[in-house]
Amino acid sequence: MKYYSYENFKNDTNRLISQVKNFEFDAIVAVARGGLTLSHAMAEGLNIRDVQSIRTELYDDTCKREELTIFGSAEFTDIKKVLVVDDIADSGDTLNEIMKHLRGCFKDVEFQSATLFYKKTSIYEPDFWINEADDWIDFFWERDFSE
């Protein structure tokens, strides 16, 4: 298990913002919970006010479930380009299903994805990512605020 500090997060988030800024996204969809912190930081850095979230459940702590469940939906009026943000593409199941779901619901919207981490064994490779993961990542927001 690798600890991922706020300093690493800040530096990597700025790198991710630099990668995506020229695409001029109209909105961000955060994959809750893992993508919420990153989405907020990216929205500030990219000056995007339209930040929405979709909640999924695939893991109980570190134990993977049989099926992914998607809760909630997004609403895009006069939106052409959306960045879907999560913390990691681990198995890839979450991002794969969310991207299929969003593209199926909003056929006129272009969706791209971004993560801080990507595992080469993932079934889904994000359009933008910063670090290759080879271990379980213990994000600062998971460790530093728990009892």
Protein backbone atom coordinates (compact mmCIF):
# COMPACT_ATOMS: atom_id res chain seq x y z
CA MET A 1 0.00 0.00 0.00
CA LYS A 2 1.38 3.39 -1.02
CA TYR A 3 0.48 6.59 0.83
CA TYR A 4 -0.43 9.46 -1.51
CA SER A 5 0.11 12.81 0.22
CA TYR A 6 -1.51 16.19 -0.31
CA GLU A 7 1.76 17.52 -1.79
CA ASN A 8 1.76 14.75 -4.41
CA PHE A 9 -1.92 15.40 -5.08
CA LYS A 10 -1.37 19.14 -5.56
CA ASN A 11 1.55 18.63 -7.95
CA ASP A 12 -0.16 15.86 -9.94
CA THR A 13 -3.45 17.77 -10.13
CA ASN A 14 -1.65 20.76 -11.60
CA ARG A 15 -0.01 18.47 -14.16
CA LEU A 16 -3.43 16.98 -15.03
CA ILE A 17 -4.93 20.47 -15.37
CA SER A 18 -2.13 21.34 -17.80
CA GLN A 19 -2.88 18.23 -19.86
CA VAL A 20 -6.61 18.95 -20.25
CA LYS A 21 -6.87 22.76 -20.30
CA ASN A 22 -6.69 23.11 -24.09
CA PHE A 23 -9.72 20.85 -24.54
CA GLU A 24 -11.98 23.55 -23.07
CA PHE A 25 -14.43 21.31 -21.24
CA ASP A 26 -17.83 22.78 -20.37
CA ALA A 27 -18.47 20.58 -17.34
CA ILE A 28 -16.90 18.03 -15.02
CA VAL A 29 -18.53 14.86 -13.72
CA ALA A 30 -16.97 13.57 -10.53
CA VAL A 31 -17.13 9.87 -9.81
CA ALA A 32 -18.07 9.81 -6.13
CA ARG A 33 -16.39 9.38 -3.82
CA GLY A 34 -12.88 8.95 -5.18
CA GLY A 35 -13.15 11.65 -7.85
CA LEU A 36 -14.75 14.34 -5.71
CA THR A 37 -11.59 15.89 -4.27
CA LEU A 38 -9.82 15.83 -7.63
CA SER A 39 -12.87 17.21 -9.48
CA HIS A 40 -13.18 20.15 -7.12
CA ALA A 41 -9.48 21.01 -7.48
CA MET A 42 -9.62 20.66 -11.27
CA ALA A 43 -12.78 22.77 -11.50
CA GLU A 44 -10.99 25.55 -9.65
CA GLY A 45 -7.89 25.25 -11.84
CA LEU A 46 -9.89 25.15 -15.06
CA ASN A 47 -12.51 27.72 -13.94
CA ILE A 48 -15.39 25.31 -14.60
CA ARG A 49 -18.51 26.01 -12.57
CA ASP A 50 -20.62 23.09 -13.81
CA VAL A 51 -19.44 20.23 -11.59
CA GLN A 52 -21.77 17.26 -11.21
CA SER A 53 -21.35 13.87 -9.62
CA ILE A 54 -22.38 10.28 -10.12
CA ARG A 55 -21.97 7.87 -7.26
CA THR A 56 -20.91 4.31 -7.81
CA GLU A 57 -20.32 1.32 -5.61
CA LEU A 58 -17.87 -1.39 -6.60
CA TYR A 59 -15.67 -1.77 -3.52
CA ASP A 60 -16.32 -2.34 0.17
CA ASP A 61 -13.03 -1.09 1.64
CA THR A 62 -10.55 -3.12 -0.45
CA CYS A 63 -12.97 -5.94 -1.35
CA LYS A 64 -14.40 -5.79 -4.88
CA ARG A 65 -18.11 -6.55 -5.37
CA GLU A 66 -19.62 -8.70 -8.11
CA GLU A 67 -21.38 -5.78 -9.86
CA LEU A 68 -21.03 -2.04 -10.18
CA THR A 69 -24.03 0.05 -9.15
CA ILE A 70 -24.52 3.61 -10.51
CA PHE A 71 -26.56 6.10 -8.46
CA GLY A 72 -27.79 9.45 -9.71
CA SER A 73 -27.61 11.05 -13.11
CA ALA A 74 -26.20 14.10 -14.83
CA GLU A 75 -27.96 16.93 -16.64
CA PHE A 76 -26.34 18.63 -19.62
CA THR A 77 -28.06 21.60 -21.22
CA ASP A 78 -26.03 23.41 -23.88
CA ILE A 79 -23.01 21.29 -22.91
CA LYS A 80 -20.75 19.88 -25.62
CA LYS A 81 -17.63 18.60 -23.81
CA VAL A 82 -17.48 16.89 -20.41
CA LEU A 83 -14.52 15.63 -18.40
CA VAL A 84 -15.26 12.60 -16.22
CA VAL A 85 -12.90 12.51 -13.24
CA ASP A 86 -11.98 9.71 -10.84
CA ASP A 87 -9.00 9.11 -8.60
CA ILE A 88 -7.81 5.83 -10.17
CA ALA A 89 -8.55 3.41 -12.98
CA ASP A 90 -7.83 0.26 -10.97
CA SER A 91 -9.80 -2.58 -12.53
CA GLY A 92 -11.32 -0.06 -14.94
CA ASP A 93 -14.81 -1.41 -14.32
CA THR A 94 -16.11 1.83 -12.80
CA LEU A 95 -14.93 4.20 -15.52
CA ASN A 96 -15.83 1.75 -18.26
CA GLU A 97 -19.43 1.50 -17.05
CA ILE A 98 -19.81 5.21 -16.34
CA MET A 99 -18.47 6.20 -19.75
CA LYS A 100 -20.83 3.73 -21.47
CA HIS A 101 -23.71 5.02 -19.33
CA LEU A 102 -23.04 8.71 -20.05
CA ARG A 103 -22.39 8.19 -23.77
CA GLY A 104 -25.61 6.18 -24.03
CA CYS A 105 -27.67 8.85 -22.26
CA PHE A 106 -26.10 11.91 -23.92
CA LYS A 107 -25.27 11.06 -27.52
CA ASP A 108 -24.52 14.68 -28.53
CA VAL A 109 -21.96 15.25 -25.75
CA GLU A 110 -18.26 14.41 -26.05
CA PHE A 111 -16.93 12.68 -22.93
CA GLN A 112 -13.30 12.22 -21.96
CA SER A 113 -11.90 10.85 -18.73
CA ALA A 114 -9.07 11.76 -16.36
CA THR A 115 -7.50 10.08 -13.33
CA LEU A 116 -4.48 10.55 -11.13
CA PHE A 117 -3.59 6.86 -11.37
CA TYR A 118 -3.93 4.14 -13.98
CA LYS A 119 -3.11 0.45 -13.64
CA LYS A 120 -1.91 -1.24 -16.83
CA THR A 121 -4.17 -4.20 -15.96
CA SER A 122 -7.26 -1.96 -16.09
CA ILE A 123 -9.87 -2.77 -18.75
CA TYR A 124 -10.29 0.99 -19.33
CA GLU A 125 -7.51 3.48 -19.99
CA PRO A 126 -8.47 7.07 -19.18
CA ASP A 127 -7.87 9.70 -21.84
CA PHE A 128 -5.65 11.56 -19.35
CA TRP A 129 -3.73 10.13 -16.40
CA ILE A 130 -0.59 11.01 -14.45
CA ASN A 131 0.79 8.01 -12.55
CA GLU A 132 0.98 4.30 -13.23
CA ALA A 133 -0.14 2.37 -10.14
CA ASP A 134 1.37 -0.97 -9.21
CA ASP A 135 0.00 -1.18 -5.66
CA TRP A 136 -3.07 -0.14 -3.64
CA ILE A 137 -3.05 3.67 -3.29
CA ASP A 138 -3.85 5.06 0.16
CA PHE A 139 -5.01 8.60 -0.70
CA PHE A 140 -4.51 11.32 1.91
CA TRP A 141 -8.27 11.94 2.05
CA GLU A 142 -8.81 8.29 3.00
CA ARG A 143 -6.18 8.20 5.74
CA ASP A 144 -5.78 11.71 7.11
CA PHE A 145 -9.43 12.30 8.03
CA SER A 146 -10.46 8.91 9.39
CA GLU A 147 -10.58 8.10 13.08
